Amino acid sequence: ALAQVAPGMVGWLISGRKHQQQQESSINITNMQLDYGG
């Protein structure tokens, strides 16, 4: 949705150049740490 507002930015990541490439692109959250003691 942000890519539609600012084309050429995130759209480069999400849209990709081909449909197959679009399926392969991703952003994943890892190593989640919530500061319970803080």
PDB file of all heavy atoms in Angstrom:
ATOM      1  N   ALA A   1       0.834  -1.209   0.000  1.00  0.00           N
ATOM      2  CA  ALA A   1       0.000   0.000   0.000  1.00  0.00           C
ATOM      3  C   ALA A   1       0.864   1.253   0.000  1.00  0.00           C
ATOM      4  O   ALA A   1       0.566   2.233  -0.682  1.00  0.00           O
ATOM      5  CB  ALA A   1      -0.926  -0.012   1.212  1.00  0.00           C
ATOM      6  N   LEU A   2       1.952   1.206   0.752  1.00  0.00           N
ATOM      7  CA  LEU A   2       2.861   2.341   0.759  1.00  0.00           C
ATOM      8  C   LEU A   2       3.551   2.501  -0.590  1.00  0.00           C
ATOM      9  O   LEU A   2       3.859   3.604  -1.018  1.00  0.00           O
ATOM     10  CB  LEU A   2       3.911   2.169   1.854  1.00  0.00           C
ATOM     11  CG  LEU A   2       3.432   2.401   3.275  1.00  0.00           C
ATOM     12  CD1 LEU A   2       4.540   2.078   4.257  1.00  0.00           C
ATOM     13  CD2 LEU A   2       2.983   3.840   3.454  1.00  0.00           C
ATOM     14  N   ALA A   3       3.787   1.388  -1.263  1.00  0.00           N
ATOM     15  CA  ALA A   3       4.444   1.450  -2.564  1.00  0.00           C
ATOM     16  C   ALA A   3       3.573   2.186  -3.567  1.00  0.00           C
ATOM     17  O   ALA A   3       4.069   2.861  -4.470  1.00  0.00           O
ATOM     18  CB  ALA A   3       4.752   0.038  -3.062  1.00  0.00           C
ATOM     19  N   GLN A   4       2.236   2.080  -3.424  1.00  0.00           N
ATOM     20  CA  GLN A   4       1.346   2.788  -4.334  1.00  0.00           C
ATOM     21  C   GLN A   4       1.398   4.293  -4.095  1.00  0.00           C
ATOM     22  O   GLN A   4       1.202   5.086  -4.999  1.00  0.00           O
ATOM     23  CB  GLN A   4      -0.084   2.270  -4.158  1.00  0.00           C
ATOM     24  CG  GLN A   4      -0.239   0.801  -4.529  1.00  0.00           C
ATOM     25  CD  GLN A   4      -1.630   0.288  -4.232  1.00  0.00           C
ATOM     26  OE1 GLN A   4      -2.512   1.044  -3.820  1.00  0.00           O
ATOM     27  NE2 GLN A   4      -1.853  -1.001  -4.451  1.00  0.00           N
ATOM     28  N   VAL A   5       1.683   4.671  -2.835  1.00  0.00           N
ATOM     29  CA  VAL A   5       1.810   6.092  -2.518  1.00  0.00           C
ATOM     30  C   VAL A   5       3.169   6.621  -2.975  1.00  0.00           C
ATOM     31  O   VAL A   5       3.297   7.734  -3.456  1.00  0.00           O
ATOM     32  CB  VAL A   5       1.635   6.320  -1.003  1.00  0.00           C
ATOM     33  CG1 VAL A   5       1.827   7.787  -0.651  1.00  0.00           C
ATOM     34  CG2 VAL A   5       0.254   5.842  -0.576  1.00  0.00           C
ATOM     35  N   ALA A   6       4.195   5.785  -2.807  1.00  0.00           N
ATOM     36  CA  ALA A   6       5.556   6.187  -3.173  1.00  0.00           C
ATOM     37  C   ALA A   6       6.117   5.184  -4.170  1.00  0.00           C
ATOM     38  O   ALA A   6       6.901   4.316  -3.798  1.00  0.00           O
ATOM     39  CB  ALA A   6       6.440   6.265  -1.937  1.00  0.00           C
ATOM     40  N   PRO A   7       5.682   5.217  -5.426  1.00  0.00           N
ATOM     41  CA  PRO A   7       6.146   4.246  -6.412  1.00  0.00           C
ATOM     42  C   PRO A   7       7.645   4.343  -6.613  1.00  0.00           C
ATOM     43  O   PRO A   7       8.234   5.413  -6.538  1.00  0.00           O
ATOM     44  CB  PRO A   7       5.381   4.653  -7.675  1.00  0.00           C
ATOM     45  CG  PRO A   7       5.019   6.080  -7.463  1.00  0.00           C
ATOM     46  CD  PRO A   7       4.796   6.234  -5.995  1.00  0.00           C
ATOM     47  N   GLY A   8       8.236   3.176  -6.879  1.00  0.00           N
ATOM     48  CA  GLY A   8       9.668   3.127  -7.114  1.00  0.00           C
ATOM     49  C   GLY A   8      10.469   2.873  -5.865  1.00  0.00           C
ATOM     50  O   GLY A   8      11.656   2.609  -5.936  1.00  0.00           O
ATOM     51  N   MET A   9       9.812   2.919  -4.669  1.00  0.00           N
ATOM     52  CA  MET A   9      10.521   2.652  -3.431  1.00  0.00           C
ATOM     53  C   MET A   9      10.269   1.206  -3.007  1.00  0.00           C
ATOM     54  O   MET A   9      10.982   0.295  -3.400  1.00  0.00           O
ATOM     55  CB  MET A   9      10.081   3.641  -2.344  1.00  0.00           C
ATOM     56  CG  MET A   9      10.438   5.092  -2.663  1.00  0.00           C
ATOM     57  SD  MET A   9       9.991   6.173  -1.295  1.00  0.00           S
ATOM     58  CE  MET A   9      10.497   7.759  -1.941  1.00  0.00           C
ATOM     59  N   VAL A  10       9.234   1.029  -2.175  1.00  0.00           N
ATOM     60  CA  VAL A  10       8.931  -0.321  -1.736  1.00  0.00           C
ATOM     61  C   VAL A  10       8.388  -1.141  -2.896  1.00  0.00           C
ATOM     62  O   VAL A  10       8.491  -2.362  -2.914  1.00  0.00           O
ATOM     63  CB  VAL A  10       7.923  -0.291  -0.563  1.00  0.00           C
ATOM     64  CG1 VAL A  10       7.677  -1.680  -0.030  1.00  0.00           C
ATOM     65  CG2 VAL A  10       8.471   0.586   0.539  1.00  0.00           C
ATOM     66  N   GLY A  11       7.810  -0.474  -3.876  1.00  0.00           N
ATOM     67  CA  GLY A  11       7.293  -1.197  -5.028  1.00  0.00           C
ATOM     68  C   GLY A  11       8.361  -1.990  -5.747  1.00  0.00           C
ATOM     69  O   GLY A  11       8.078  -3.026  -6.350  1.00  0.00           O
ATOM     70  N   TRP A  12       9.601  -1.504  -5.675  1.00  0.00           N
ATOM     71  CA  TRP A  12      10.699  -2.242  -6.276  1.00  0.00           C
ATOM     72  C   TRP A  12      10.861  -3.594  -5.602  1.00  0.00           C
ATOM     73  O   TRP A  12      11.162  -4.597  -6.222  1.00  0.00           O
ATOM     74  CB  TRP A  12      11.970  -1.418  -6.112  1.00  0.00           C
ATOM     75  CG  TRP A  12      13.123  -1.913  -6.954  1.00  0.00           C
ATOM     76  CD1 TRP A  12      13.067  -2.765  -8.007  1.00  0.00           C
ATOM     77  CD2 TRP A  12      14.488  -1.576  -6.795  1.00  0.00           C
ATOM     78  NE1 TRP A  12      14.314  -2.966  -8.530  1.00  0.00           N
ATOM     79  CE2 TRP A  12      15.205  -2.244  -7.802  1.00  0.00           C
ATOM     80  CE3 TRP A  12      15.167  -0.748  -5.902  1.00  0.00           C
ATOM     81  CZ2 TRP A  12      16.577  -2.144  -7.934  1.00  0.00           C
ATOM     82  CZ3 TRP A  12      16.538  -0.636  -6.051  1.00  0.00           C
ATOM     83  CH2 TRP A  12      17.234  -1.327  -7.046  1.00  0.00           C
ATOM     84  N   LEU A  13      10.622  -3.621  -4.280  1.00  0.00           N
ATOM     85  CA  LEU A  13      10.724  -4.872  -3.544  1.00  0.00           C
ATOM     86  C   LEU A  13       9.505  -5.756  -3.751  1.00  0.00           C
ATOM     87  O   LEU A  13       9.620  -6.938  -4.048  1.00  0.00           O
ATOM     88  CB  LEU A  13      10.876  -4.576  -2.042  1.00  0.00           C
ATOM     89  CG  LEU A  13      10.738  -5.780  -1.118  1.00  0.00           C
ATOM     90  CD1 LEU A  13      11.878  -6.753  -1.330  1.00  0.00           C
ATOM     91  CD2 LEU A  13      10.706  -5.319   0.333  1.00  0.00           C
ATOM     92  N   ILE A  14       8.314  -5.174  -3.609  1.00  0.00           N
ATOM     93  CA  ILE A  14       7.097  -5.972  -3.622  1.00  0.00           C
ATOM     94  C   ILE A  14       6.733  -6.435  -5.032  1.00  0.00           C
ATOM     95  O   ILE A  14       6.393  -7.587  -5.262  1.00  0.00           O
ATOM     96  CB  ILE A  14       5.930  -5.182  -3.003  1.00  0.00           C
ATOM     97  CG1 ILE A  14       6.277  -4.815  -1.565  1.00  0.00           C
ATOM     98  CG2 ILE A  14       4.648  -5.975  -3.054  1.00  0.00           C
ATOM     99  CD1 ILE A  14       6.487  -6.001  -0.657  1.00  0.00           C
ATOM    100  N   SER A  15       6.796  -5.516  -5.971  1.00  0.00           N
ATOM    101  CA  SER A  15       6.356  -5.838  -7.319  1.00  0.00           C
ATOM    102  C   SER A  15       7.359  -6.722  -8.042  1.00  0.00           C
ATOM    103  O   SER A  15       6.993  -7.710  -8.678  1.00  0.00           O
ATOM    104  CB  SER A  15       6.121  -4.549  -8.109  1.00  0.00           C
ATOM    105  OG  SER A  15       5.119  -3.783  -7.490  1.00  0.00           O
ATOM    106  N   GLY A  16       8.623  -6.359  -7.956  1.00  0.00           N
ATOM    107  CA  GLY A  16       9.623  -7.134  -8.666  1.00  0.00           C
ATOM    108  C   GLY A  16       9.508  -6.930 -10.167  1.00  0.00           C
ATOM    109  O   GLY A  16       8.719  -6.129 -10.659  1.00  0.00           O
ATOM    110  N   ARG A  17      10.327  -7.636 -10.909  1.00  0.00           N
ATOM    111  CA  ARG A  17      10.293  -7.518 -12.350  1.00  0.00           C
ATOM    112  C   ARG A  17       9.461  -8.605 -13.005  1.00  0.00           C
ATOM    113  O   ARG A  17       8.967  -8.441 -14.101  1.00  0.00           O
ATOM    114  CB  ARG A  17      11.722  -7.563 -12.894  1.00  0.00           C
ATOM    115  CG  ARG A  17      12.577  -6.385 -12.411  1.00  0.00           C
ATOM    116  CD  ARG A  17      13.959  -6.442 -12.986  1.00  0.00           C
ATOM    117  NE  ARG A  17      14.774  -5.303 -12.550  1.00  0.00           N
ATOM    118  CZ  ARG A  17      16.046  -5.132 -12.892  1.00  0.00           C
ATOM    119  NH1 ARG A  17      16.643  -6.014 -13.675  1.00  0.00           N
ATOM    120  NH2 ARG A  17      16.702  -4.077 -12.453  1.00  0.00           N
ATOM    121  N   LYS A  18       9.332  -9.729 -12.290  1.00  0.00           N
ATOM    122  CA  LYS A  18       8.531 -10.817 -12.826  1.00  0.00           C
ATOM    123  C   LYS A  18       7.656 -11.369 -11.711  1.00  0.00           C
ATOM    124  O   LYS A  18       7.965 -11.238 -10.531  1.00  0.00           O
ATOM    125  CB  LYS A  18       9.423 -11.940 -13.379  1.00  0.00           C
ATOM    126  CG  LYS A  18      10.275 -11.500 -14.576  1.00  0.00           C
ATOM    127  CD  LYS A  18      11.123 -12.660 -15.048  1.00  0.00           C
ATOM    128  CE  LYS A  18      12.013 -12.244 -16.226  1.00  0.00           C
ATOM    129  NZ  LYS A  18      12.861 -13.370 -16.675  1.00  0.00           N
ATOM    130  N   HIS A  19       6.581 -12.015 -12.090  1.00  0.00           N
ATOM    131  CA  HIS A  19       5.679 -12.584 -11.087  1.00  0.00           C
ATOM    132  C   HIS A  19       6.386 -13.631 -10.257  1.00  0.00           C
ATOM    133  O   HIS A  19       6.190 -13.721  -9.040  1.00  0.00           O
ATOM    134  CB  HIS A  19       4.470 -13.199 -11.788  1.00  0.00           C
ATOM    135  CG  HIS A  19       3.500 -13.840 -10.835  1.00  0.00           C
ATOM    136  ND1 HIS A  19       2.686 -13.090 -10.004  1.00  0.00           N
ATOM    137  CD2 HIS A  19       3.232 -15.146 -10.553  1.00  0.00           C
ATOM    138  CE1 HIS A  19       1.943 -13.897  -9.265  1.00  0.00           C
ATOM    139  NE2 HIS A  19       2.269 -15.146  -9.583  1.00  0.00           N
ATOM    140  N   GLN A  20       7.248 -14.438 -10.881  1.00  0.00           N
ATOM    141  CA  GLN A  20       7.950 -15.468 -10.144  1.00  0.00           C
ATOM    142  C   GLN A  20       8.882 -14.842  -9.116  1.00  0.00           C
ATOM    143  O   GLN A  20       8.981 -15.311  -7.979  1.00  0.00           O
ATOM    144  CB  GLN A  20       8.760 -16.339 -11.106  1.00  0.00           C
ATOM    145  CG  GLN A  20       9.484 -17.488 -10.406  1.00  0.00           C
ATOM    146  CD  GLN A  20      10.242 -18.365 -11.388  1.00  0.00           C
ATOM    147  OE1 GLN A  20      10.222 -18.110 -12.597  1.00  0.00           O
ATOM    148  NE2 GLN A  20      10.892 -19.385 -10.886  1.00  0.00           N
ATOM    149  N   GLN A  21       9.557 -13.747  -9.494  1.00  0.00           N
ATOM    150  CA  GLN A  21      10.426 -13.071  -8.561  1.00  0.00           C
ATOM    151  C   GLN A  21       9.642 -12.468  -7.401  1.00  0.00           C
ATOM    152  O   GLN A  21      10.098 -12.436  -6.273  1.00  0.00           O
ATOM    153  CB  GLN A  21      11.201 -11.977  -9.293  1.00  0.00           C
ATOM    154  CG  GLN A  21      12.250 -12.528 -10.249  1.00  0.00           C
ATOM    155  CD  GLN A  21      12.965 -11.417 -10.983  1.00  0.00           C
ATOM    156  OE1 GLN A  21      12.331 -10.410 -11.318  1.00  0.00           O
ATOM    157  NE2 GLN A  21      14.237 -11.587 -11.241  1.00  0.00           N
ATOM    158  N   GLN A  22       8.431 -12.013  -7.682  1.00  0.00           N
ATOM    159  CA  GLN A  22       7.596 -11.420  -6.631  1.00  0.00           C
ATOM    160  C   GLN A  22       7.280 -12.448  -5.558  1.00  0.00           C
ATOM    161  O   GLN A  22       7.244 -12.148  -4.379  1.00  0.00           O
ATOM    162  CB  GLN A  22       6.314 -10.880  -7.245  1.00  0.00           C
ATOM    163  CG  GLN A  22       5.370 -10.260  -6.217  1.00  0.00           C
ATOM    164  CD  GLN A  22       4.087  -9.796  -6.834  1.00  0.00           C
ATOM    165  OE1 GLN A  22       3.892  -9.903  -8.039  1.00  0.00           O
ATOM    166  NE2 GLN A  22       3.201  -9.287  -6.012  1.00  0.00           N
ATOM    167  N   GLN A  23       7.047 -13.690  -5.979  1.00  0.00           N
ATOM    168  CA  GLN A  23       6.740 -14.734  -5.019  1.00  0.00           C
ATOM    169  C   GLN A  23       7.947 -15.067  -4.153  1.00  0.00           C
ATOM    170  O   GLN A  23       7.798 -15.504  -3.038  1.00  0.00           O
ATOM    171  CB  GLN A  23       6.267 -15.997  -5.773  1.00  0.00           C
ATOM    172  CG  GLN A  23       4.980 -15.801  -6.568  1.00  0.00           C
ATOM    173  CD  GLN A  23       3.822 -15.400  -5.693  1.00  0.00           C
ATOM    174  OE1 GLN A  23       3.678 -15.899  -4.587  1.00  0.00           O
ATOM    175  NE2 GLN A  23       2.992 -14.484  -6.166  1.00  0.00           N
ATOM    176  N   GLU A  24       9.156 -14.860  -4.675  1.00  0.00           N
ATOM    177  CA  GLU A  24      10.353 -15.218  -3.943  1.00  0.00           C
ATOM    178  C   GLU A  24      10.793 -14.126  -2.972  1.00  0.00           C
ATOM    179  O   GLU A  24      11.548 -14.390  -2.060  1.00  0.00           O
ATOM    180  CB  GLU A  24      11.484 -15.522  -4.936  1.00  0.00           C
ATOM    181  CG  GLU A  24      11.223 -16.760  -5.785  1.00  0.00           C
ATOM    182  CD  GLU A  24      12.293 -16.959  -6.842  1.00  0.00           C
ATOM    183  OE1 GLU A  24      13.138 -16.050  -7.002  1.00  0.00           O
ATOM    184  OE2 GLU A  24      12.275 -18.001  -7.506  1.00  0.00           O
ATOM    185  N   SER A  25      10.367 -12.898  -3.178  1.00  0.00           N
ATOM    186  CA  SER A  25      10.770 -11.814  -2.291  1.00  0.00           C
ATOM    187  C   SER A  25      10.033 -11.914  -0.962  1.00  0.00           C
ATOM    188  O   SER A  25       8.877 -12.337  -0.901  1.00  0.00           O
ATOM    189  CB  SER A  25      10.486 -10.460  -2.943  1.00  0.00           C
ATOM    190  OG  SER A  25       9.100 -10.293  -3.112  1.00  0.00           O
ATOM    191  N   SER A  26      10.720 -11.520   0.123  1.00  0.00           N
ATOM    192  CA  SER A  26      10.081 -11.631   1.431  1.00  0.00           C
ATOM    193  C   SER A  26      10.844 -10.806   2.458  1.00  0.00           C
ATOM    194  O   SER A  26      12.016 -10.490   2.292  1.00  0.00           O
ATOM    195  CB  SER A  26      10.036 -13.096   1.884  1.00  0.00           C
ATOM    196  OG  SER A  26      11.347 -13.605   2.053  1.00  0.00           O
ATOM    197  N   ILE A  27      10.123 -10.466   3.532  1.00  0.00           N
ATOM    198  CA  ILE A  27      10.722  -9.904   4.739  1.00  0.00           C
ATOM    199  C   ILE A  27      10.168 -10.705   5.911  1.00  0.00           C
ATOM    200  O   ILE A  27       8.961 -10.772   6.102  1.00  0.00           O
ATOM    201  CB  ILE A  27      10.390  -8.412   4.935  1.00  0.00           C
ATOM    202  CG1 ILE A  27      10.840  -7.593   3.736  1.00  0.00           C
ATOM    203  CG2 ILE A  27      11.064  -7.885   6.192  1.00  0.00           C
ATOM    204  CD1 ILE A  27      10.524  -6.120   3.873  1.00  0.00           C
ATOM    205  N   ASN A  28      11.062 -11.302   6.688  1.00  0.00           N
ATOM    206  CA  ASN A  28      10.645 -12.134   7.809  1.00  0.00           C
ATOM    207  C   ASN A  28      11.210 -11.583   9.116  1.00  0.00           C
ATOM    208  O   ASN A  28      12.352 -11.105   9.163  1.00  0.00           O
ATOM    209  CB  ASN A  28      11.132 -13.579   7.620  1.00  0.00           C
ATOM    210  CG  ASN A  28      10.505 -14.233   6.404  1.00  0.00           C
ATOM    211  OD1 ASN A  28       9.324 -14.060   6.133  1.00  0.00           O
ATOM    212  ND2 ASN A  28      11.307 -14.977   5.657  1.00  0.00           N
ATOM    213  N   ILE A  29      10.396 -11.653  10.168  1.00  0.00           N
ATOM    214  CA  ILE A  29      10.828 -11.249  11.506  1.00  0.00           C
ATOM    215  C   ILE A  29      11.465 -12.457  12.190  1.00  0.00           C
ATOM    216  O   ILE A  29      10.890 -13.539  12.233  1.00  0.00           O
ATOM    217  CB  ILE A  29       9.652 -10.729  12.337  1.00  0.00           C
ATOM    218  CG1 ILE A  29       9.091  -9.439  11.718  1.00  0.00           C
ATOM    219  CG2 ILE A  29      10.077 -10.471  13.780  1.00  0.00           C
ATOM    220  CD1 ILE A  29       7.877  -8.899  12.438  1.00  0.00           C
ATOM    221  N   THR A  30      12.664 -12.268  12.748  1.00  0.00           N
ATOM    222  CA  THR A  30      13.365 -13.336  13.466  1.00  0.00           C
ATOM    223  C   THR A  30      13.935 -12.775  14.766  1.00  0.00           C
ATOM    224  O   THR A  30      13.984 -11.562  14.978  1.00  0.00           O
ATOM    225  CB  THR A  30      14.508 -13.928  12.625  1.00  0.00           C
ATOM    226  OG1 THR A  30      15.481 -12.899  12.369  1.00  0.00           O
ATOM    227  CG2 THR A  30      14.001 -14.457  11.287  1.00  0.00           C
ATOM    228  N   ASN A  31      14.373 -13.688  15.633  1.00  0.00           N
ATOM    229  CA  ASN A  31      15.073 -13.308  16.870  1.00  0.00           C
ATOM    230  C   ASN A  31      14.300 -12.258  17.663  1.00  0.00           C
ATOM    231  O   ASN A  31      14.845 -11.248  18.100  1.00  0.00           O
ATOM    232  CB  ASN A  31      16.480 -12.790  16.553  1.00  0.00           C
ATOM    233  CG  ASN A  31      17.356 -12.725  17.795  1.00  0.00           C
ATOM    234  OD1 ASN A  31      17.164 -13.478  18.745  1.00  0.00           O
ATOM    235  ND2 ASN A  31      18.321 -11.820  17.789  1.00  0.00           N
ATOM    236  N   MET A  32      13.010 -12.509  17.858  1.00  0.00           N
ATOM    237  CA  MET A  32      12.144 -11.581  18.584  1.00  0.00           C
ATOM    238  C   MET A  32      12.509 -11.573  20.068  1.00  0.00           C
ATOM    239  O   MET A  32      12.588 -12.618  20.703  1.00  0.00           O
ATOM    240  CB  MET A  32      10.690 -12.018  18.386  1.00  0.00           C
ATOM    241  CG  MET A  32       9.674 -11.232  19.179  1.00  0.00           C
ATOM    242  SD  MET A  32       9.579  -9.532  18.642  1.00  0.00           S
ATOM    243  CE  MET A  32       9.286  -8.741  20.211  1.00  0.00           C
ATOM    244  N   GLN A  33      12.737 -10.391  20.634  1.00  0.00           N
ATOM    245  CA  GLN A  33      13.095 -10.265  22.044  1.00  0.00           C
ATOM    246  C   GLN A  33      12.281  -9.151  22.685  1.00  0.00           C
ATOM    247  O   GLN A  33      12.491  -7.970  22.377  1.00  0.00           O
ATOM    248  CB  GLN A  33      14.589  -9.988  22.200  1.00  0.00           C
ATOM    249  CG  GLN A  33      15.476 -11.121  21.725  1.00  0.00           C
ATOM    250  CD  GLN A  33      16.949 -10.824  21.902  1.00  0.00           C
ATOM    251  OE1 GLN A  33      17.338  -9.709  22.222  1.00  0.00           O
ATOM    252  NE2 GLN A  33      17.771 -11.833  21.695  1.00  0.00           N
ATOM    253  N   LEU A  34      11.374  -9.527  23.564  1.00  0.00           N
ATOM    254  CA  LEU A  34      10.584  -8.558  24.316  1.00  0.00           C
ATOM    255  C   LEU A  34      11.220  -8.402  25.691  1.00  0.00           C
ATOM    256  O   LEU A  34      11.474  -9.385  26.380  1.00  0.00           O
ATOM    257  CB  LEU A  34       9.136  -9.033  24.423  1.00  0.00           C
ATOM    258  CG  LEU A  34       8.070  -7.977  24.691  1.00  0.00           C
ATOM    259  CD1 LEU A  34       6.713  -8.465  24.197  1.00  0.00           C
ATOM    260  CD2 LEU A  34       7.983  -7.641  26.166  1.00  0.00           C
ATOM    261  N   ASP A  35      11.503  -7.174  26.079  1.00  0.00           N
ATOM    262  CA  ASP A  35      12.217  -6.907  27.330  1.00  0.00           C
ATOM    263  C   ASP A  35      11.263  -7.022  28.512  1.00  0.00           C
ATOM    264  O   ASP A  35      10.782  -6.021  29.053  1.00  0.00           O
ATOM    265  CB  ASP A  35      12.852  -5.513  27.270  1.00  0.00           C
ATOM    266  CG  ASP A  35      13.781  -5.247  28.456  1.00  0.00           C
ATOM    267  OD1 ASP A  35      14.016  -6.195  29.233  1.00  0.00           O
ATOM    268  OD2 ASP A  35      14.263  -4.114  28.596  1.00  0.00           O
ATOM    269  N   TYR A  36      11.001  -8.268  28.928  1.00  0.00           N
ATOM    270  CA  TYR A  36      10.057  -8.498  30.022  1.00  0.00           C
ATOM    271  C   TYR A  36      10.548  -7.880  31.329  1.00  0.00           C
ATOM    272  O   TYR A  36       9.776  -7.323  32.101  1.00  0.00           O
ATOM    273  CB  TYR A  36       9.833  -9.999  30.227  1.00  0.00           C
ATOM    274  CG  TYR A  36       9.195 -10.690  29.044  1.00  0.00           C
ATOM    275  CD1 TYR A  36       9.938 -11.550  28.244  1.00  0.00           C
ATOM    276  CD2 TYR A  36       7.861 -10.475  28.729  1.00  0.00           C
ATOM    277  CE1 TYR A  36       9.353 -12.185  27.159  1.00  0.00           C
ATOM    278  CE2 TYR A  36       7.272 -11.100  27.651  1.00  0.00           C
ATOM    279  CZ  TYR A  36       8.022 -11.958  26.861  1.00  0.00           C
ATOM    280  OH  TYR A  36       7.459 -12.584  25.779  1.00  0.00           O
ATOM    281  N   GLY A  37      11.850  -7.976  31.589  1.00  0.00           N
ATOM    282  CA  GLY A  37      12.393  -7.469  32.842  1.00  0.00           C
ATOM    283  C   GLY A  37      12.569  -5.967  32.864  1.00  0.00           C
ATOM    284  O   GLY A  37      12.847  -5.396  33.922  1.00  0.00           O
ATOM    285  N   GLY A  38      12.402  -5.310  31.716  1.00  0.00           N
ATOM    286  CA  GLY A  38      12.628  -3.876  31.646  1.00  0.00           C
ATOM    287  C   GLY A  38      11.366  -3.055  31.498  1.00  0.00           C
ATOM    288  O   GLY A  38      11.437  -1.882  31.118  1.00  0.00           O
TER     289      GLY A  38
END
